[in-house]
C-alpha atoms as a PDB file:
ATOM      1  CA  MET A   1      38.622  17.210  65.454  1.00  0.00           C
ATOM      2  CA  SER A   2      41.510  14.809  66.983  1.00  0.00           C
ATOM      3  CA  PRO A   3      42.016  11.697  65.980  1.00  0.00           C
ATOM      4  CA  ASP A   4      40.791  10.631  69.560  1.00  0.00           C
ATOM      5  CA  LEU A   5      37.412  12.193  68.836  1.00  0.00           C
ATOM      6  CA  ILE A   6      37.684  10.845  65.284  1.00  0.00           C
ATOM      7  CA  LEU A   7      37.832   7.568  66.878  1.00  0.00           C
ATOM      8  CA  LEU A   8      35.090   8.431  69.875  1.00  0.00           C
ATOM      9  CA  PHE A   9      32.747   9.440  66.963  1.00  0.00           C
ATOM     10  CA  ILE A  10      33.107   7.017  64.435  1.00  0.00           C
ATOM     11  CA  PRO A  11      31.441   3.839  66.865  1.00  0.00           C
ATOM     12  CA  THR A  12      28.488   6.441  68.405  1.00  0.00           C
ATOM     13  CA  ILE A  13      27.393   7.286  65.020  1.00  0.00           C
ATOM     14  CA  ALA A  14      27.470   3.631  63.575  1.00  0.00           C
ATOM     15  CA  SER A  15      25.664   2.944  66.860  1.00  0.00           C
ATOM     16  CA  VAL A  16      23.272   5.109  66.549  1.00  0.00           C
ATOM     17  CA  SER A  17      22.850   4.320  62.217  1.00  0.00           C
ATOM     18  CA  PHE A  18      22.299   0.815  62.939  1.00  0.00           C
ATOM     19  CA  THR A  19      19.690   0.925  65.800  1.00  0.00           C
ATOM     20  CA  PRO A  20      16.765   0.130  64.741  1.00  0.00           C
ATOM     21  CA  GLY A  21      14.452   3.513  63.231  1.00  0.00           C
ATOM     22  CA  LEU A  22      12.536   5.325  61.179  1.00  0.00           C
ATOM     23  CA  CYS A  23      15.019   5.182  58.188  1.00  0.00           C
ATOM     24  CA  MET A  24      16.058   1.947  58.620  1.00  0.00           C
ATOM     25  CA  THR A  25      12.855   0.220  58.824  1.00  0.00           C
ATOM     26  CA  LEU A  26      11.946   2.314  55.401  1.00  0.00           C
ATOM     27  CA  ALA A  27      15.744   0.899  53.960  1.00  0.00           C
ATOM     28  CA  PHE A  28      14.335  -2.454  54.930  1.00  0.00           C
ATOM     29  CA  THR A  29      10.595  -2.005  53.592  1.00  0.00           C
ATOM     30  CA  LEU A  30      11.741  -1.157  49.953  1.00  0.00           C
ATOM     31  CA  GLY A  31      15.226  -4.161  50.059  1.00  0.00           C
ATOM     32  CA  LEU A  32      12.029  -6.284  50.681  1.00  0.00           C
ATOM     33  CA  SER A  33       9.468  -4.816  47.717  1.00  0.00           C
ATOM     34  CA  ILE A  34      11.553  -3.647  45.717  1.00  0.00           C
ATOM     35  CA  GLY A  35      15.206  -4.717  45.853  1.00  0.00           C
ATOM     36  CA  TYR A  36      18.301  -3.174  46.716  1.00  0.00           C
ATOM     37  CA  ARG A  37      18.887  -1.504  43.628  1.00  0.00           C
ATOM     38  CA  ARG A  38      15.857   0.500  43.342  1.00  0.00           C
ATOM     39  CA  THR A  39      16.076   1.325  46.795  1.00  0.00           C
ATOM     40  CA  LEU A  40      19.117   2.974  46.323  1.00  0.00           C
ATOM     41  CA  TRP A  41      17.594   6.018  44.953  1.00  0.00           C
ATOM     42  CA  MET A  42      15.791   5.878  48.357  1.00  0.00           C
ATOM     43  CA  MET A  43      18.988   5.995  50.166  1.00  0.00           C
ATOM     44  CA  LEU A  44      20.468   8.733  48.101  1.00  0.00           C
ATOM     45  CA  GLY A  45      17.355  11.329  49.200  1.00  0.00           C
ATOM     46  CA  GLU A  46      17.661   9.633  52.808  1.00  0.00           C
ATOM     47  CA  LEU A  47      21.782  10.971  52.889  1.00  0.00           C
ATOM     48  CA  SER A  48      20.478  14.248  51.600  1.00  0.00           C
ATOM     49  CA  GLY A  49      18.334  14.633  54.123  1.00  0.00           C
ATOM     50  CA  VAL A  50      20.921  13.793  56.719  1.00  0.00           C
ATOM     51  CA  ALA A  51      23.445  16.016  55.215  1.00  0.00           C
ATOM     52  CA  THR A  52      20.832  18.678  55.415  1.00  0.00           C
ATOM     53  CA  VAL A  53      19.765  18.250  59.067  1.00  0.00           C
ATOM     54  CA  PHE A  54      23.729  17.729  59.817  1.00  0.00           C
ATOM     55  CA  ALA A  55      24.682  20.950  58.178  1.00  0.00           C
ATOM     56  CA  VAL A  56      21.771  23.480  59.543  1.00  0.00           C
ATOM     57  CA  VAL A  57      22.327  21.789  63.054  1.00  0.00           C
ATOM     58  CA  PHE A  58      26.309  21.956  62.753  1.00  0.00           C
ATOM     59  CA  TRP A  59      26.195  25.540  61.889  1.00  0.00           C
ATOM     60  CA  SER A  60      23.597  27.043  64.983  1.00  0.00           C
ATOM     61  CA  LEU A  61      20.772  27.327  63.006  1.00  0.00           C
ATOM     62  CA  GLY A  62      18.793  24.567  64.382  1.00  0.00           C
ATOM     63  CA  TRP A  63      17.244  27.827  66.775  1.00  0.00           C
ATOM     64  CA  LEU A  64      14.664  28.081  63.939  1.00  0.00           C
ATOM     65  CA  LEU A  65      13.187  25.200  64.934  1.00  0.00           C
ATOM     66  CA  SER A  66      12.837  26.102  68.291  1.00  0.00           C
ATOM     67  CA  GLN A  67      11.669  29.706  67.429  1.00  0.00           C
ATOM     68  CA  ASP A  68       8.894  28.376  65.314  1.00  0.00           C
ATOM     69  CA  PRO A  69       8.143  24.794  65.227  1.00  0.00           C
ATOM     70  CA  ILE A  70       5.141  24.969  63.591  1.00  0.00           C
ATOM     71  CA  TYR A  71       7.659  23.824  60.378  1.00  0.00           C
ATOM     72  CA  PHE A  72       8.698  20.826  61.933  1.00  0.00           C
ATOM     73  CA  GLN A  73       5.495  20.047  63.016  1.00  0.00           C
ATOM     74  CA  LEU A  74       4.224  20.875  58.825  1.00  0.00           C
ATOM     75  CA  MET A  75       7.231  18.487  58.127  1.00  0.00           C
ATOM     76  CA  SER A  76       6.628  16.002  59.875  1.00  0.00           C
ATOM     77  CA  VAL A  77       3.207  15.920  59.725  1.00  0.00           C
ATOM     78  CA  ALA A  78       3.270  15.221  55.886  1.00  0.00           C
ATOM     79  CA  GLY A  79       6.638  12.797  56.159  1.00  0.00           C
ATOM     80  CA  GLY A  80       4.376  10.583  58.394  1.00  0.00           C
ATOM     81  CA  ALA A  81       1.329  11.042  56.414  1.00  0.00           C
ATOM     82  CA  TYR A  82       3.158   9.705  53.022  1.00  0.00           C
ATOM     83  CA  LEU A  83       5.045   7.284  55.399  1.00  0.00           C
ATOM     84  CA  MET A  84       1.801   5.652  56.721  1.00  0.00           C
ATOM     85  CA  TYR A  85       0.286   5.531  52.038  1.00  0.00           C
ATOM     86  CA  LEU A  86       3.152   3.690  52.001  1.00  0.00           C
ATOM     87  CA  ALA A  87       2.423   1.684  54.418  1.00  0.00           C
ATOM     88  CA  ILE A  88      -1.024   0.881  53.692  1.00  0.00           C
ATOM     89  CA  LYS A  89      -0.450   0.246  50.079  1.00  0.00           C
ATOM     90  CA  LEU A  90       2.341  -2.560  51.022  1.00  0.00           C
ATOM     91  CA  PHE A  91       0.008  -4.466  53.021  1.00  0.00           C
ATOM     92  CA  ARG A  92      -3.158  -4.473  50.695  1.00  0.00           C
ATOM     93  CA  GLU A  93      -0.760  -5.563  47.843  1.00  0.00           C
ATOM     94  CA  THR A  94      -2.155  -9.049  46.693  1.00  0.00           C
ATOM     95  CA  PRO A  95      -0.307 -12.298  45.106  1.00  0.00           C
ATOM     96  CA  GLU A  96      -0.979 -11.474  41.977  1.00  0.00           C
ATOM     97  CA  LYS A  97       0.500  -7.737  42.022  1.00  0.00           C
ATOM     98  CA  LEU A  98       3.609  -9.234  43.827  1.00  0.00           C
ATOM     99  CA  ARG A  99       4.198 -11.773  40.526  1.00  0.00           C
ATOM    100  CA  THR A 100       3.749  -8.575  38.119  1.00  0.00           C
ATOM    101  CA  ARG A 101       5.629  -5.900  39.657  1.00  0.00           C
ATOM    102  CA  ASP A 102       7.678  -3.925  37.659  1.00  0.00           C
ATOM    103  CA  LEU A 103      10.263  -2.104  39.134  1.00  0.00           C
ATOM    104  CA  ASP A 104      10.548   0.276  36.802  1.00  0.00           C
ATOM    105  CA  ASN A 105       7.546   1.644  37.205  1.00  0.00           C
ATOM    106  CA  THR A 106       8.867   3.182  40.445  1.00  0.00           C
ATOM    107  CA  HIS A 107      10.069   6.464  39.924  1.00  0.00           C
ATOM    108  CA  PRO A 108      13.642   7.548  41.181  1.00  0.00           C
ATOM    109  CA  ALA A 109      12.768  10.722  42.158  1.00  0.00           C
ATOM    110  CA  ALA A 110      10.082   9.975  44.112  1.00  0.00           C
ATOM    111  CA  LEU A 111      11.851   7.023  45.880  1.00  0.00           C
ATOM    112  CA  ALA A 112      15.079  10.016  46.124  1.00  0.00           C
ATOM    113  CA  LEU A 113      11.903  12.160  47.912  1.00  0.00           C
ATOM    114  CA  ILE A 114      10.818   9.505  50.372  1.00  0.00           C
ATOM    115  CA  GLY A 115      14.148   8.938  51.805  1.00  0.00           C
ATOM    116  CA  TYR A 116      14.921  12.677  52.141  1.00  0.00           C
ATOM    117  CA  VAL A 117      11.618  13.838  54.006  1.00  0.00           C
ATOM    118  CA  THR A 118      12.169  10.266  56.226  1.00  0.00           C
ATOM    119  CA  ALA A 119      15.447  11.709  57.187  1.00  0.00           C
ATOM    120  CA  VAL A 120      14.624  15.452  57.539  1.00  0.00           C
ATOM    121  CA  SER A 121      11.167  15.102  59.254  1.00  0.00           C
ATOM    122  CA  ASN A 122      12.875  12.580  62.045  1.00  0.00           C
ATOM    123  CA  PRO A 123      12.908  14.440  65.095  1.00  0.00           C
ATOM    124  CA  LYS A 124      15.073  11.704  66.004  1.00  0.00           C
ATOM    125  CA  GLY A 125      17.806  12.775  64.352  1.00  0.00           C
ATOM    126  CA  TRP A 126      17.788  16.612  65.080  1.00  0.00           C
ATOM    127  CA  ALA A 127      17.854  15.832  68.773  1.00  0.00           C
ATOM    128  CA  PHE A 128      20.777  13.384  68.336  1.00  0.00           C
ATOM    129  CA  LEU A 129      22.643  15.893  66.664  1.00  0.00           C
ATOM    130  CA  MET A 130      21.716  18.930  69.139  1.00  0.00           C
ATOM    131  CA  ALA A 131      22.489  17.089  71.889  1.00  0.00           C
ATOM    132  CA  LEU A 132      25.920  15.531  70.436  1.00  0.00           C
ATOM    133  CA  LEU A 133      27.558  17.947  68.376  1.00  0.00           C
ATOM    134  CA  PRO A 134      28.536  20.190  71.576  1.00  0.00           C
ATOM    135  CA  GLY A 135      30.536  17.490  73.062  1.00  0.00           C
ATOM    136  CA  PHE A 136      32.933  16.634  69.411  1.00  0.00           C
ATOM    137  CA  VAL A 137      33.387  20.217  68.038  1.00  0.00           C
ATOM    138  CA  VAL A 138      35.888  21.872  69.151  1.00  0.00           C
ATOM    139  CA  THR A 139      35.097  25.788  68.883  1.00  0.00           C
ATOM    140  CA  HIS A 140      38.969  27.039  69.053  1.00  0.00           C
ATOM    141  CA  LEU A 141      39.571  25.340  65.848  1.00  0.00           C
ATOM    142  CA  SER A 142      38.317  25.587  62.253  1.00  0.00           C
ATOM    143  CA  LEU A 143      35.070  24.665  61.732  1.00  0.00           C
ATOM    144  CA  GLN A 144      35.471  23.885  58.074  1.00  0.00           C
ATOM    145  CA  PRO A 145      37.477  20.572  58.343  1.00  0.00           C
ATOM    146  CA  GLN A 146      35.433  19.267  61.037  1.00  0.00           C
ATOM    147  CA  PHE A 147      32.449  19.727  59.122  1.00  0.00           C
ATOM    148  CA  PHE A 148      33.382  17.614  56.121  1.00  0.00           C
ATOM    149  CA  THR A 149      34.741  14.681  58.357  1.00  0.00           C
ATOM    150  CA  MET A 150      32.177  14.669  60.520  1.00  0.00           C
ATOM    151  CA  LEU A 151      30.142  14.628  57.822  1.00  0.00           C
ATOM    152  CA  VAL A 152      31.582  11.787  55.113  1.00  0.00           C
ATOM    153  CA  ILE A 153      31.523   9.696  58.807  1.00  0.00           C
ATOM    154  CA  MET A 154      28.362  10.522  59.332  1.00  0.00           C
ATOM    155  CA  LEU A 155      26.913   9.200  55.741  1.00  0.00           C
ATOM    156  CA  SER A 156      29.564   6.486  54.853  1.00  0.00           C
ATOM    157  CA  THR A 157      27.789   4.926  58.152  1.00  0.00           C
ATOM    158  CA  GLU A 158      24.425   5.474  57.733  1.00  0.00           C
ATOM    159  CA  PHE A 159      25.178   4.590  53.639  1.00  0.00           C
ATOM    160  CA  VAL A 160      26.830   1.004  55.398  1.00  0.00           C
ATOM    161  CA  ALA A 161      23.782   0.408  57.819  1.00  0.00           C
ATOM    162  CA  MET A 162      21.026   1.272  55.313  1.00  0.00           C
ATOM    163  CA  THR A 163      22.453  -1.160  52.808  1.00  0.00           C
ATOM    164  CA  ALA A 164      22.694  -4.082  55.569  1.00  0.00           C
ATOM    165  CA  TYR A 165      18.746  -3.417  56.279  1.00  0.00           C
ATOM    166  CA  ALA A 166      17.743  -2.720  52.334  1.00  0.00           C
ATOM    167  CA  THR A 167      20.028  -6.440  51.203  1.00  0.00           C
ATOM    168  CA  GLY A 168      18.764  -8.008  54.123  1.00  0.00           C
ATOM    169  CA  GLY A 169      14.829  -7.691  53.022  1.00  0.00           C
ATOM    170  CA  GLN A 170      16.215  -8.176  49.589  1.00  0.00           C
ATOM    171  CA  TRP A 171      17.516 -11.720  51.062  1.00  0.00           C
ATOM    172  CA  LEU A 172      14.272 -12.232  53.108  1.00  0.00           C
ATOM    173  CA  ALA A 173      12.093 -12.018  49.854  1.00  0.00           C
ATOM    174  CA  THR A 174      14.323 -14.324  47.597  1.00  0.00           C
ATOM    175  CA  LYS A 175      14.166 -16.810  50.075  1.00  0.00           C
ATOM    176  CA  LEU A 176      10.496 -16.384  50.718  1.00  0.00           C
ATOM    177  CA  GLY A 177       9.477 -17.896  46.778  1.00  0.00           C
ATOM    178  CA  GLU A 178       5.774 -18.522  47.815  1.00  0.00           C
ATOM    179  CA  SER A 179       3.807 -15.887  47.406  1.00  0.00           C
ATOM    180  CA  ASP A 180       1.672 -16.497  50.361  1.00  0.00           C
ATOM    181  CA  GLU A 181       5.011 -16.126  52.559  1.00  0.00           C
ATOM    182  CA  LEU A 182       5.833 -13.240  50.875  1.00  0.00           C
ATOM    183  CA  ILE A 183       2.296 -11.456  50.962  1.00  0.00           C
ATOM    184  CA  ASN A 184       3.067 -12.207  55.417  1.00  0.00           C
ATOM    185  CA  ALA A 185       6.511 -10.788  54.762  1.00  0.00           C
ATOM    186  CA  ASN A 186       5.523  -7.491  53.018  1.00  0.00           C
ATOM    187  CA  ARG A 187       2.386  -7.169  55.954  1.00  0.00           C
ATOM    188  CA  ILE A 188       4.815  -7.665  58.740  1.00  0.00           C
ATOM    189  CA  ALA A 189       7.414  -4.816  56.872  1.00  0.00           C
ATOM    190  CA  ALA A 190       3.980  -2.555  55.878  1.00  0.00           C
ATOM    191  CA  LEU A 191       2.606  -2.398  60.187  1.00  0.00           C
ATOM    192  CA  MET A 192       6.646  -1.982  60.889  1.00  0.00           C
ATOM    193  CA  LEU A 193       6.562   1.109  58.431  1.00  0.00           C
ATOM    194  CA  GLY A 194       3.168   1.946  59.815  1.00  0.00           C
ATOM    195  CA  LEU A 195       4.319   1.938  63.288  1.00  0.00           C
ATOM    196  CA  ALA A 196       7.082   4.290  62.348  1.00  0.00           C
ATOM    197  CA  SER A 197       4.819   6.637  60.701  1.00  0.00           C
ATOM    198  CA  LEU A 198       2.884   7.195  63.925  1.00  0.00           C
ATOM    199  CA  TRP A 199       6.034   7.580  65.716  1.00  0.00           C
ATOM    200  CA  VAL A 200       6.880  10.490  63.314  1.00  0.00           C
ATOM    201  CA  LEU A 201       3.154  11.789  64.123  1.00  0.00           C
ATOM    202  CA  SER A 202       2.672  11.580  67.511  1.00  0.00           C
ATOM    203  CA  GLY A 203       6.050  13.517  67.452  1.00  0.00           C
ATOM    204  CA  ALA A 204       4.331  16.446  66.050  1.00  0.00           C
ATOM    205  CA  VAL A 205       1.422  17.163  67.547  1.00  0.00           C
ATOM    206  CA  ILE A 206       2.619  16.264  70.980  1.00  0.00           C
END
């Protein structure tokens, strides 16, 4: 991969990573509700999911999805349904629950799984990479160095973007010290998460 292509690939990936979407909405919501440090577990799972999607598309295994789209649809339904469950749970939180919230009750493995399923079941990620990678992969050069270079760039920009969204959510929760204000912010975040889940579910059934 030439330096010119790398310099073009970085802003292209960064512009997509920082665009509000399913994963960024989840990062903001969890940053608001459980704080940045706990959200790091979700981010770990999301980065693993992004790496999985990238590896599958890069090594030309994406045709499996078009051969048998039912697997992708089932994964999207499961991910969308779980995101809707989280949105409803967040929307129904009371001031008492907010005051007594114990961050240690959220199991790290569950947060990582949420992130992984969200990334893998996001049709935008698959479609974007399938459309983008052919323009950046140089077929007559060794593929492994190109794979690792682009993967590092993708994961780095994705981590920075999620950090920005999660810390923004945590900052908002800190500023909204009153329970009523925090409840309203939680409900806005829950509505965003609910819309994201509907988007995932619609992609699975349409």
